[in-house]
Amino acid sequence: MTDVVREGALQARLPVRELARSCVGACARAAAELGARRAGLDTVPDVWVDDGAVATAFTSERHLLINGRAPVNFAPLSRFWRTADGWVRTHANYPHHRERLLKVMGPADSLAAAFAERSALEVEDAVYAAGGLAVALRTPEEWAAHEQAVELAERPLVERERLDSAPARVLAPVDGTPLLPAAGLRVLDLTRVIAGPVATRTLALLGADVLRVDPPRMPELPDQHADTGFGKRSATLDLAADRDAFEELLAVADVVVTGYRPGALDRFGLSAQALAERRPGIVVAQLSAWGAYGPWSERRGFDSLVQVATGIAAVEGSPEQPGALPAQALDHGTGYLLAAEVLRAVREQSYDGGGRCVRLALARTAQWLLEGVPDESAGGVGGRGATGAAGREGAAGQGVQAAYEGPDAWLAETDSGVGRLRYARSPVSFAGGPVGWARPPGPWGADPARWA
């Protein structure tokens, strides 16, 4: 793999740039390998990773413009608060989370005083008990001693499970330009926020028919949806009241991607095993904040909160004055890894069949980052040097350093159903592959709940 190294992007104390490169590289490699399999190529197309493209994509939500307007990424109450003995970080972007936070801590205009009167752990427990989101700042050492961290440390970065003995998947040949490795795959997208939608946005780039389905009474934040909705269609469906319609979607789905808390969708028959029983040979990709095991497995979580709990915020700042990564790298990185694992599972199925389940967690990705510079040995993902590849035509060239001059080279504009958009291009690049999405995002929930 050729890296065009552009200094100045994603600078941090932790090796976030290397993590980002590894995650995007793993995805590009998986796409190229599946493309070669489907196109009957003797060699895998060349893959490259450009740090400028990666840095821009990992901050895509900051570069988005909608009719010239910058997006709202964090609500006023989503921030650090000083407590009697340290710090907590809250997440209140969604109205229901804001309401639950205020129910525990009191009126918004007196929150600072309310936090200052209580310990960080007391706030964490009280807000969680009310269904809200607040996490106490921990150092890496404090997190390593936590029961949830101990549970995660015993598991790989990517968990893989074979679900059944379905026959080998027959993949229709693909040809032409661009090469679309995921063409013909139907992907049911049951994810929200950033990580899961980044994964499914990438699968859409690669040719998959991606249908995002959300509960009708839980609208996604519109700016967030505009950033991650490229290539997809968006529908709403009540999984309880519209069960027949949902089962019709499942009956022909090839991939189901979920991003809710572990077990939250089981009552709808959406556990990996239940899906495999109804749809042998299906690929199930599961994403969570804290992992599928341990005392925090059922807790809600977001990238910013995982940074605080795992010690990243203490490393990027200090225990006395916490900081943050230069991007929501846990979200974006885990999203690209999840897409890579779906592509890998589909390719493996074409040889030996079997339904597959893959699982990733933001907190496990955080641990990977804290452990040091990621490489190919970490969790089996491809990273820097994952494949020998020719340099990108017109780029700086193999092994050449070029000054990072900002994101403009990796931004594009298009008209869409939500207005004129400036957006970040995908960093997933391989010879002959797509350079953009087939369709821009539309309004949330505006499409019918059926396959294209």
Protein backbone atom coordinates (compact mmCIF):
# COMPACT_ATOMS: atom_id res chain seq x y z
CA MET A 1 0.00 0.00 0.00
CA THR A 2 1.28 3.45 -0.87
CA ASP A 3 0.89 6.20 1.68
CA VAL A 4 0.99 9.81 0.55
CA VAL A 5 2.01 11.40 3.84
CA ARG A 6 0.71 14.92 4.33
CA GLU A 7 1.94 16.41 7.56
CA GLY A 8 -0.36 18.51 9.72
CA ALA A 9 -3.50 16.38 9.59
CA LEU A 10 -4.96 14.66 12.67
CA GLN A 11 -2.12 15.67 14.95
CA ALA A 12 -2.49 14.35 18.50
CA ARG A 13 -0.47 12.86 21.33
CA LEU A 14 -1.93 9.44 20.57
CA PRO A 15 -1.34 7.83 17.15
CA VAL A 16 -4.71 8.83 15.75
CA ARG A 17 -3.34 9.41 12.26
CA GLU A 18 -1.96 5.88 12.17
CA LEU A 19 -5.26 4.49 13.44
CA ALA A 20 -7.16 6.38 10.76
CA ARG A 21 -4.80 5.19 8.05
CA SER A 22 -5.07 1.58 9.22
CA CYS A 23 -8.86 1.61 9.30
CA VAL A 24 -9.27 3.19 5.88
CA GLY A 25 -6.53 0.97 4.47
CA ALA A 26 -8.27 -2.15 5.78
CA CYS A 27 -11.50 -1.06 4.11
CA ALA A 28 -9.87 -0.24 0.79
CA ARG A 29 -8.01 -3.53 0.78
CA ALA A 30 -11.16 -5.53 1.57
CA ALA A 31 -12.99 -3.69 -1.22
CA ALA A 32 -10.22 -4.37 -3.73
CA GLU A 33 -10.06 -8.04 -2.80
CA LEU A 34 -13.82 -8.53 -3.14
CA GLY A 35 -13.73 -6.59 -6.40
CA ALA A 36 -11.01 -8.86 -7.75
CA ARG A 37 -13.00 -11.92 -6.74
CA ARG A 38 -16.16 -10.71 -8.48
CA ALA A 39 -14.41 -9.42 -11.59
CA GLY A 40 -12.33 -12.58 -12.01
CA LEU A 41 -9.06 -10.67 -11.83
CA ASP A 42 -5.77 -12.50 -11.37
CA THR A 43 -4.38 -9.76 -9.15
CA VAL A 44 -5.92 -7.47 -6.57
CA PRO A 45 -6.22 -3.84 -7.71
CA ASP A 46 -3.71 -1.44 -6.24
CA VAL A 47 -4.77 0.26 -3.03
CA TRP A 48 -3.58 3.58 -1.66
CA VAL A 49 -4.13 5.71 1.39
CA ASP A 50 -3.75 9.48 1.26
CA ASP A 51 -3.45 11.14 4.67
CA GLY A 52 -5.09 14.31 3.44
CA ALA A 53 -8.13 12.42 2.19
CA VAL A 54 -8.28 10.43 5.42
CA ALA A 55 -7.98 13.52 7.64
CA THR A 56 -10.73 15.29 5.71
CA ALA A 57 -13.06 12.29 5.83
CA PHE A 58 -12.47 11.76 9.56
CA THR A 59 -13.71 15.31 10.14
CA SER A 60 -16.42 15.18 7.46
CA GLU A 61 -19.10 16.53 9.79
CA ARG A 62 -17.05 19.70 10.31
CA HIS A 63 -16.53 20.31 6.58
CA LEU A 64 -20.16 19.86 5.62
CA LEU A 65 -21.99 22.96 4.39
CA ILE A 66 -25.72 22.98 3.66
CA ASN A 67 -26.63 25.93 1.44
CA GLY A 68 -23.51 27.59 2.81
CA ARG A 69 -24.47 26.99 6.45
CA ALA A 70 -22.10 25.17 8.78
CA PRO A 71 -23.61 22.21 10.66
CA VAL A 72 -24.41 22.01 14.34
CA ASN A 73 -22.29 19.15 15.68
CA PHE A 74 -22.60 19.53 19.46
CA ALA A 75 -25.46 21.03 21.44
CA PRO A 76 -24.59 23.56 24.20
CA LEU A 77 -25.07 21.00 26.99
CA SER A 78 -22.78 18.43 25.33
CA ARG A 79 -19.51 19.40 27.01
CA PHE A 80 -17.13 18.95 29.94
CA TRP A 81 -18.31 20.00 33.40
CA ARG A 82 -16.15 20.37 36.50
CA THR A 83 -17.36 18.34 39.46
CA ALA A 84 -16.41 18.39 43.13
CA ASP A 85 -13.54 15.96 42.49
CA GLY A 86 -12.84 16.03 38.76
CA TRP A 87 -14.71 16.19 35.47
CA VAL A 88 -17.60 14.63 33.61
CA ARG A 89 -18.60 14.95 29.98
CA THR A 90 -22.24 14.99 28.98
CA HIS A 91 -23.97 14.26 25.68
CA ALA A 92 -27.27 16.03 25.09
CA ASN A 93 -27.50 16.44 21.32
CA TYR A 94 -30.80 14.58 21.16
CA PRO A 95 -33.80 16.24 22.88
CA HIS A 96 -34.63 13.17 24.99
CA HIS A 97 -31.08 12.98 26.34
CA ARG A 98 -31.13 16.70 27.18
CA GLU A 99 -34.42 16.27 29.02
CA ARG A 100 -33.09 13.36 31.09
CA LEU A 101 -29.92 15.24 31.99
CA LEU A 102 -31.89 18.25 33.23
CA LYS A 103 -34.26 16.00 35.15
CA VAL A 104 -31.32 14.85 37.28
CA MET A 105 -29.14 17.97 37.40
CA GLY A 106 -31.70 20.75 37.42
CA PRO A 107 -32.27 23.81 35.19
CA ALA A 108 -29.82 24.54 32.39
CA ASP A 109 -28.87 27.96 33.79
CA SER A 110 -27.63 26.44 37.06
CA LEU A 111 -25.92 23.29 35.77
CA ALA A 112 -22.37 24.41 36.52
CA ALA A 113 -23.18 24.83 40.21
CA ALA A 114 -25.08 21.54 40.31
CA PHE A 115 -22.15 19.62 38.85
CA ALA A 116 -19.68 21.33 41.17
CA GLU A 117 -21.57 20.04 44.22
CA ARG A 118 -21.35 16.34 43.28
CA SER A 119 -18.62 13.83 42.57
CA ALA A 120 -17.97 12.70 39.00
CA LEU A 121 -18.96 9.10 39.68
CA GLU A 122 -22.11 10.20 41.49
CA VAL A 123 -23.15 12.25 38.46
CA GLU A 124 -22.29 9.40 36.09
CA ASP A 125 -24.45 6.92 37.97
CA ALA A 126 -27.38 9.27 38.56
CA VAL A 127 -27.64 10.49 34.98
CA TYR A 128 -27.27 6.96 33.60
CA ALA A 129 -30.03 5.71 35.92
CA ALA A 130 -32.33 8.36 34.42
CA GLY A 131 -31.52 7.28 30.86
CA GLY A 132 -29.19 10.20 30.20
CA LEU A 133 -25.53 10.40 29.23
CA ALA A 134 -22.72 11.59 31.48
CA VAL A 135 -19.34 9.90 31.92
CA ALA A 136 -16.65 10.59 34.50
CA LEU A 137 -13.14 11.40 33.34
CA ARG A 138 -10.73 8.53 33.97
CA THR A 139 -7.05 8.05 33.30
CA PRO A 140 -5.96 5.10 31.14
CA GLU A 141 -4.82 3.32 34.30
CA GLU A 142 -8.18 3.84 36.00
CA TRP A 143 -10.01 2.58 32.94
CA ALA A 144 -7.74 -0.48 32.63
CA ALA A 145 -8.82 -1.50 36.14
CA HIS A 146 -12.52 -1.09 35.34
CA GLU A 147 -14.57 -4.26 34.89
CA GLN A 148 -15.67 -3.22 31.42
CA ALA A 149 -12.11 -2.61 30.27
CA VAL A 150 -11.00 -5.98 31.66
CA GLU A 151 -13.80 -7.65 29.71
CA LEU A 152 -12.86 -5.87 26.49
CA ALA A 153 -9.17 -6.63 26.89
CA GLU A 154 -9.93 -10.34 26.71
CA ARG A 155 -11.50 -9.99 23.27
CA PRO A 156 -10.09 -9.10 19.84
CA LEU A 157 -10.56 -5.78 18.12
CA VAL A 158 -12.91 -7.50 15.66
CA GLU A 159 -15.06 -10.38 16.87
CA ARG A 160 -16.05 -12.84 14.17
CA GLU A 161 -18.58 -15.65 14.45
CA ARG A 162 -19.89 -18.20 11.95
CA LEU A 163 -23.67 -18.45 12.28
CA ASP A 164 -24.71 -21.39 10.10
CA SER A 165 -23.63 -23.80 7.37
CA ALA A 166 -25.35 -22.13 4.45
CA PRO A 167 -23.90 -22.99 1.03
CA ALA A 168 -21.33 -20.76 -0.60
CA ARG A 169 -22.68 -17.40 -1.69
CA VAL A 170 -22.93 -17.10 -5.46
CA LEU A 171 -21.69 -13.65 -6.41
CA ALA A 172 -22.74 -12.29 -9.77
CA PRO A 173 -19.75 -11.15 -11.84
CA VAL A 174 -19.11 -7.40 -11.97
CA ASP A 175 -17.33 -5.58 -14.74
CA GLY A 176 -17.04 -2.16 -16.22
CA THR A 177 -15.89 1.09 -14.67
CA PRO A 178 -16.01 1.84 -11.85
CA LEU A 179 -15.48 -1.52 -10.21
CA LEU A 180 -18.21 -1.89 -7.57
CA PRO A 181 -17.39 -4.77 -5.20
CA ALA A 182 -20.68 -4.55 -3.28
CA ALA A 183 -22.96 -4.28 -6.33
CA GLY A 184 -26.20 -6.22 -5.86
CA LEU A 185 -25.90 -6.54 -2.09
CA ARG A 186 -28.94 -5.41 -0.13
CA VAL A 187 -27.86 -3.78 3.13
CA LEU A 188 -30.42 -3.06 5.85
CA ASP A 189 -29.02 -0.16 7.85
CA LEU A 190 -30.29 -0.03 11.44
CA THR A 191 -27.72 2.43 12.73
CA ARG A 192 -27.61 6.03 13.96
CA VAL A 193 -25.18 8.87 14.68
CA ILE A 194 -21.74 8.43 13.00
CA ALA A 195 -19.93 5.07 13.18
CA GLY A 196 -22.64 2.81 11.78
CA PRO A 197 -23.77 5.32 9.13
CA VAL A 198 -20.13 5.77 8.03
CA ALA A 199 -19.91 2.00 7.48
CA THR A 200 -23.10 1.84 5.45
CA ARG A 201 -22.23 5.04 3.57
CA THR A 202 -19.04 3.28 2.49
CA LEU A 203 -20.92 0.15 1.40
CA ALA A 204 -23.20 2.40 -0.66
CA LEU A 205 -20.15 3.98 -2.31
CA LEU A 206 -19.05 0.47 -3.31
CA GLY A 207 -22.36 -0.33 -5.01
CA ALA A 208 -24.61 -1.78 -2.30
CA ASP A 209 -28.33 -1.00 -2.16
CA VAL A 210 -28.44 0.52 1.33
CA LEU A 211 -31.77 1.19 3.00
CA ARG A 212 -31.62 2.97 6.33
CA VAL A 213 -34.60 2.32 8.56
CA ASP A 214 -35.36 4.39 11.67
CA PRO A 215 -38.21 4.49 14.19
CA PRO A 216 -40.70 7.16 13.05
CA ARG A 217 -40.70 8.93 16.42
CA MET A 218 -36.89 9.17 16.73
CA PRO A 219 -35.73 11.55 13.99
CA GLU A 220 -32.04 11.74 13.29
CA LEU A 221 -30.29 15.08 13.66
CA PRO A 222 -30.67 16.60 10.18
CA ASP A 223 -27.10 17.82 9.72
CA GLN A 224 -25.72 14.49 10.89
CA HIS A 225 -27.99 12.65 8.49
CA ALA A 226 -26.90 14.87 5.58
CA ASP A 227 -23.24 14.06 6.25
CA THR A 228 -23.66 10.28 6.48
CA GLY A 229 -26.61 9.75 4.12
CA PHE A 230 -24.72 9.72 0.82
CA GLY A 231 -25.59 6.82 -1.46
CA LYS A 232 -28.46 5.57 0.71
CA ARG A 233 -32.21 5.79 0.94
CA SER A 234 -33.88 6.62 4.26
CA ALA A 235 -37.20 5.23 5.48
CA THR A 236 -39.11 5.03 8.75
CA LEU A 237 -40.78 1.92 10.06
CA ASP A 238 -42.26 0.90 13.38
CA LEU A 239 -40.74 -2.55 13.88
CA ALA A 240 -43.63 -3.63 16.12
CA ALA A 241 -46.62 -2.17 14.26
CA ASP A 242 -45.22 -2.71 10.75
CA ARG A 243 -43.79 -6.17 11.37
CA ASP A 244 -44.93 -7.68 8.05
CA ALA A 245 -43.31 -4.90 6.05
CA PHE A 246 -40.10 -5.29 8.02
CA GLU A 247 -40.04 -9.06 7.51
CA GLU A 248 -40.40 -8.51 3.77
CA LEU A 249 -37.26 -6.38 3.85
CA LEU A 250 -35.38 -8.98 5.88
CA ALA A 251 -36.45 -11.82 3.61
CA VAL A 252 -34.18 -10.63 0.81
CA ALA A 253 -31.52 -8.70 2.76
CA ASP A 254 -27.92 -9.85 2.36
CA VAL A 255 -26.46 -7.77 5.18
CA VAL A 256 -27.97 -6.32 8.37
CA VAL A 257 -25.96 -3.64 10.18
CA THR A 258 -27.07 -2.65 13.68
CA GLY A 259 -25.82 0.18 15.86
CA TYR A 260 -28.10 0.06 18.88
CA ARG A 261 -27.15 -1.19 22.34
CA PRO A 262 -26.46 -4.95 22.45
CA GLY A 263 -29.75 -6.80 22.88
CA ALA A 264 -31.92 -3.74 22.26
CA LEU A 265 -33.29 -5.15 19.01
CA ASP A 266 -33.54 -8.80 20.08
CA ARG A 267 -37.26 -8.50 20.80
CA PHE A 268 -37.79 -7.87 17.09
CA GLY A 269 -35.97 -11.07 16.14
CA LEU A 270 -32.80 -9.19 15.25
CA SER A 271 -30.22 -11.12 17.24
CA ALA A 272 -27.58 -12.61 14.97
CA GLN A 273 -28.80 -16.15 15.55
CA ALA A 274 -32.47 -15.29 15.00
CA LEU A 275 -31.59 -13.57 11.73
CA ALA A 276 -29.55 -16.55 10.57
CA GLU A 277 -32.43 -18.90 11.31
CA ARG A 278 -34.77 -16.87 9.08
CA ARG A 279 -32.20 -15.89 6.48
CA PRO A 280 -29.40 -18.52 6.26
CA GLY A 281 -26.18 -17.09 4.92
CA ILE A 282 -26.86 -13.55 6.10
CA VAL A 283 -24.04 -11.25 7.23
CA VAL A 284 -24.79 -9.47 10.51
CA ALA A 285 -22.57 -6.54 11.52
CA GLN A 286 -23.04 -5.27 15.07
CA LEU A 287 -21.67 -2.03 16.48
CA SER A 288 -21.84 -0.80 20.07
CA ALA A 289 -20.22 1.83 22.26
CA TRP A 290 -18.94 -0.31 25.13
CA GLY A 291 -18.97 -3.88 23.77
CA ALA A 292 -21.44 -6.76 23.91
CA TYR A 293 -20.18 -8.06 27.26
CA GLY A 294 -19.50 -6.74 30.72
CA PRO A 295 -21.34 -4.43 33.15
CA TRP A 296 -21.52 -1.52 30.67
CA SER A 297 -22.68 -3.55 27.66
CA GLU A 298 -26.22 -2.15 27.82
CA ARG A 299 -25.16 1.47 28.32
CA ARG A 300 -25.62 4.11 25.66
CA GLY A 301 -22.49 5.82 24.49
CA PHE A 302 -20.94 8.12 21.93
CA ASP A 303 -17.39 8.73 20.71
CA SER A 304 -16.86 11.78 22.93
CA LEU A 305 -17.95 9.85 26.03
CA VAL A 306 -15.81 6.82 25.21
CA GLN A 307 -12.79 9.13 24.90
CA VAL A 308 -13.49 10.40 28.43
CA ALA A 309 -14.10 7.01 30.07
CA THR A 310 -11.12 5.22 28.53
CA GLY A 311 -8.51 7.86 29.40
CA ILE A 312 -8.04 9.35 25.93
CA ALA A 313 -9.30 12.74 27.12
CA ALA A 314 -6.81 12.66 29.99
CA VAL A 315 -3.93 11.83 27.62
CA GLU A 316 -4.87 14.48 25.06
CA GLY A 317 -5.16 17.02 27.86
CA SER A 318 -4.54 16.11 31.49
CA PRO A 319 -6.58 14.84 34.44
CA GLU A 320 -6.78 18.47 35.58
CA GLN A 321 -7.79 19.84 32.15
CA PRO A 322 -9.15 17.17 29.78
CA GLY A 323 -8.76 17.36 26.03
CA ALA A 324 -10.03 15.48 23.00
CA LEU A 325 -8.83 13.88 19.80
CA PRO A 326 -8.73 16.16 16.73
CA ALA A 327 -11.56 14.11 15.23
CA GLN A 328 -14.24 11.70 16.35
CA ALA A 329 -11.75 9.06 15.31
CA LEU A 330 -13.33 6.21 17.26
CA ASP A 331 -16.56 6.70 15.33
CA HIS A 332 -15.01 7.09 11.91
CA GLY A 333 -12.31 4.45 12.40
CA THR A 334 -14.72 1.85 13.71
CA GLY A 335 -17.11 2.66 10.86
CA TYR A 336 -14.49 1.91 8.20
CA LEU A 337 -13.46 -1.27 10.03
CA LEU A 338 -17.08 -2.40 10.14
CA ALA A 339 -17.45 -1.88 6.39
CA ALA A 340 -14.19 -3.78 5.83
CA GLU A 341 -15.46 -6.72 7.87
CA VAL A 342 -18.72 -6.89 5.90
CA LEU A 343 -16.78 -6.97 2.63
CA ARG A 344 -14.41 -9.58 3.99
CA ALA A 345 -17.29 -11.75 5.20
CA VAL A 346 -19.00 -11.63 1.79
CA ARG A 347 -15.78 -12.64 0.04
CA GLU A 348 -15.18 -15.53 2.45
CA GLN A 349 -18.75 -16.71 1.94
CA SER A 350 -18.13 -17.00 -1.77
CA TYR A 351 -15.58 -19.70 -0.97
CA ASP A 352 -16.97 -21.64 1.99
CA GLY A 353 -20.47 -20.32 2.69
CA GLY A 354 -21.95 -19.82 6.14
CA GLY A 355 -23.69 -16.87 7.72
CA ARG A 356 -21.34 -14.49 9.50
CA CYS A 357 -21.56 -12.12 12.44
CA VAL A 358 -18.92 -9.44 13.06
CA ARG A 359 -18.82 -7.17 16.13
CA LEU A 360 -16.93 -4.00 16.93
CA ALA A 361 -17.11 -1.53 19.80
CA LEU A 362 -15.90 2.05 20.13
CA ALA A 363 -14.34 1.27 23.50
CA ARG A 364 -12.32 -1.59 22.00
CA THR A 365 -11.11 0.70 19.22
CA ALA A 366 -10.13 3.19 21.95
CA GLN A 367 -8.08 0.49 23.66
CA TRP A 368 -6.36 -0.28 20.36
CA LEU A 369 -5.43 3.39 20.04
CA LEU A 370 -4.15 3.57 23.62
CA GLU A 371 -2.01 0.47 23.07
CA GLY A 372 0.13 2.30 20.53
CA VAL A 373 0.62 2.55 16.79
CA PRO A 374 -1.79 0.15 15.08
CA ASP A 375 -0.37 -2.31 12.57
CA GLU A 376 -1.41 -5.39 10.59
CA SER A 377 -1.11 -7.66 13.61
CA ALA A 378 -3.70 -5.71 15.61
CA GLY A 379 -6.99 -7.54 15.28
CA GLY A 380 -6.07 -8.87 11.87
CA VAL A 381 -6.87 -5.61 10.09
CA GLY A 382 -4.77 -4.33 7.26
CA GLY A 383 -2.84 -1.20 7.99
CA ARG A 384 0.11 0.62 6.59
CA GLY A 385 1.96 -1.64 4.21
CA ALA A 386 -1.01 -4.00 3.92
CA THR A 387 -0.59 -4.45 0.19
CA GLY A 388 2.04 -3.56 -2.32
CA ALA A 389 0.40 -0.91 -4.45
CA ALA A 390 1.31 1.67 -7.01
CA GLY A 391 0.98 5.32 -6.09
CA ARG A 392 -2.13 7.28 -6.97
CA GLU A 393 -1.77 8.98 -10.31
CA GLY A 394 -1.25 12.66 -9.83
CA ALA A 395 -0.62 12.38 -6.09
CA ALA A 396 2.62 13.24 -4.40
CA GLY A 397 4.10 9.83 -5.20
CA GLN A 398 5.31 6.87 -3.24
CA GLY A 399 7.07 7.75 -0.02
CA VAL A 400 7.06 11.46 -0.81
CA GLN A 401 6.04 13.92 1.89
CA ALA A 402 3.95 16.89 0.87
CA ALA A 403 2.79 19.83 2.95
CA TYR A 404 -0.80 19.53 4.09
CA GLU A 405 -2.51 22.59 2.67
CA GLY A 406 -5.98 22.03 4.06
CA PRO A 407 -8.96 19.93 3.03
CA ASP A 408 -10.00 21.65 -0.21
CA ALA A 409 -8.55 18.97 -2.49
CA TRP A 410 -10.81 16.36 -0.89
CA LEU A 411 -14.03 18.35 -0.80
CA ALA A 412 -16.76 18.40 -3.43
CA GLU A 413 -20.17 19.98 -3.95
CA THR A 414 -23.51 18.69 -5.15
CA ASP A 415 -27.19 19.52 -5.14
CA SER A 416 -29.38 17.31 -2.99
CA GLY A 417 -32.83 16.93 -1.55
CA VAL A 418 -31.71 18.93 1.48
CA GLY A 419 -29.97 21.73 -0.43
CA ARG A 420 -26.61 22.51 -1.93
CA LEU A 421 -23.96 20.48 -0.11
CA ARG A 422 -20.24 20.83 0.33
CA TYR A 423 -18.97 17.48 1.58
CA ALA A 424 -15.89 15.32 2.12
CA ARG A 425 -15.04 12.73 -0.52
CA SER A 426 -14.56 9.14 0.53
CA PRO A 427 -10.96 8.19 1.41
CA VAL A 428 -11.48 4.56 0.30
CA SER A 429 -9.43 4.30 -2.88
CA PHE A 430 -8.31 1.46 -5.13
CA ALA A 431 -7.48 1.20 -8.83
CA GLY A 432 -10.64 1.23 -10.91
CA GLY A 433 -12.86 1.85 -7.91
CA PRO A 434 -15.56 4.51 -7.49
CA VAL A 435 -14.63 8.09 -6.73
CA GLY A 436 -18.05 9.24 -5.52
CA TRP A 437 -21.54 8.19 -4.51
CA ALA A 438 -24.26 7.44 -7.03
CA ARG A 439 -26.74 9.68 -5.20
CA PRO A 440 -26.67 12.50 -2.66
CA PRO A 441 -28.54 12.29 0.65
CA GLY A 442 -32.21 13.14 0.83
CA PRO A 443 -34.39 14.19 3.74
CA TRP A 444 -34.51 11.80 6.69
CA GLY A 445 -37.30 9.23 6.37
CA ALA A 446 -38.46 10.45 2.94
CA ASP A 447 -38.12 7.16 1.04
CA PRO A 448 -40.49 4.17 0.96
CA ALA A 449 -39.49 1.16 3.08
CA ARG A 450 -38.66 -1.11 0.17
CA TRP A 451 -35.63 -2.19 -1.81
CA ALA A 452 -34.65 -0.35 -4.96
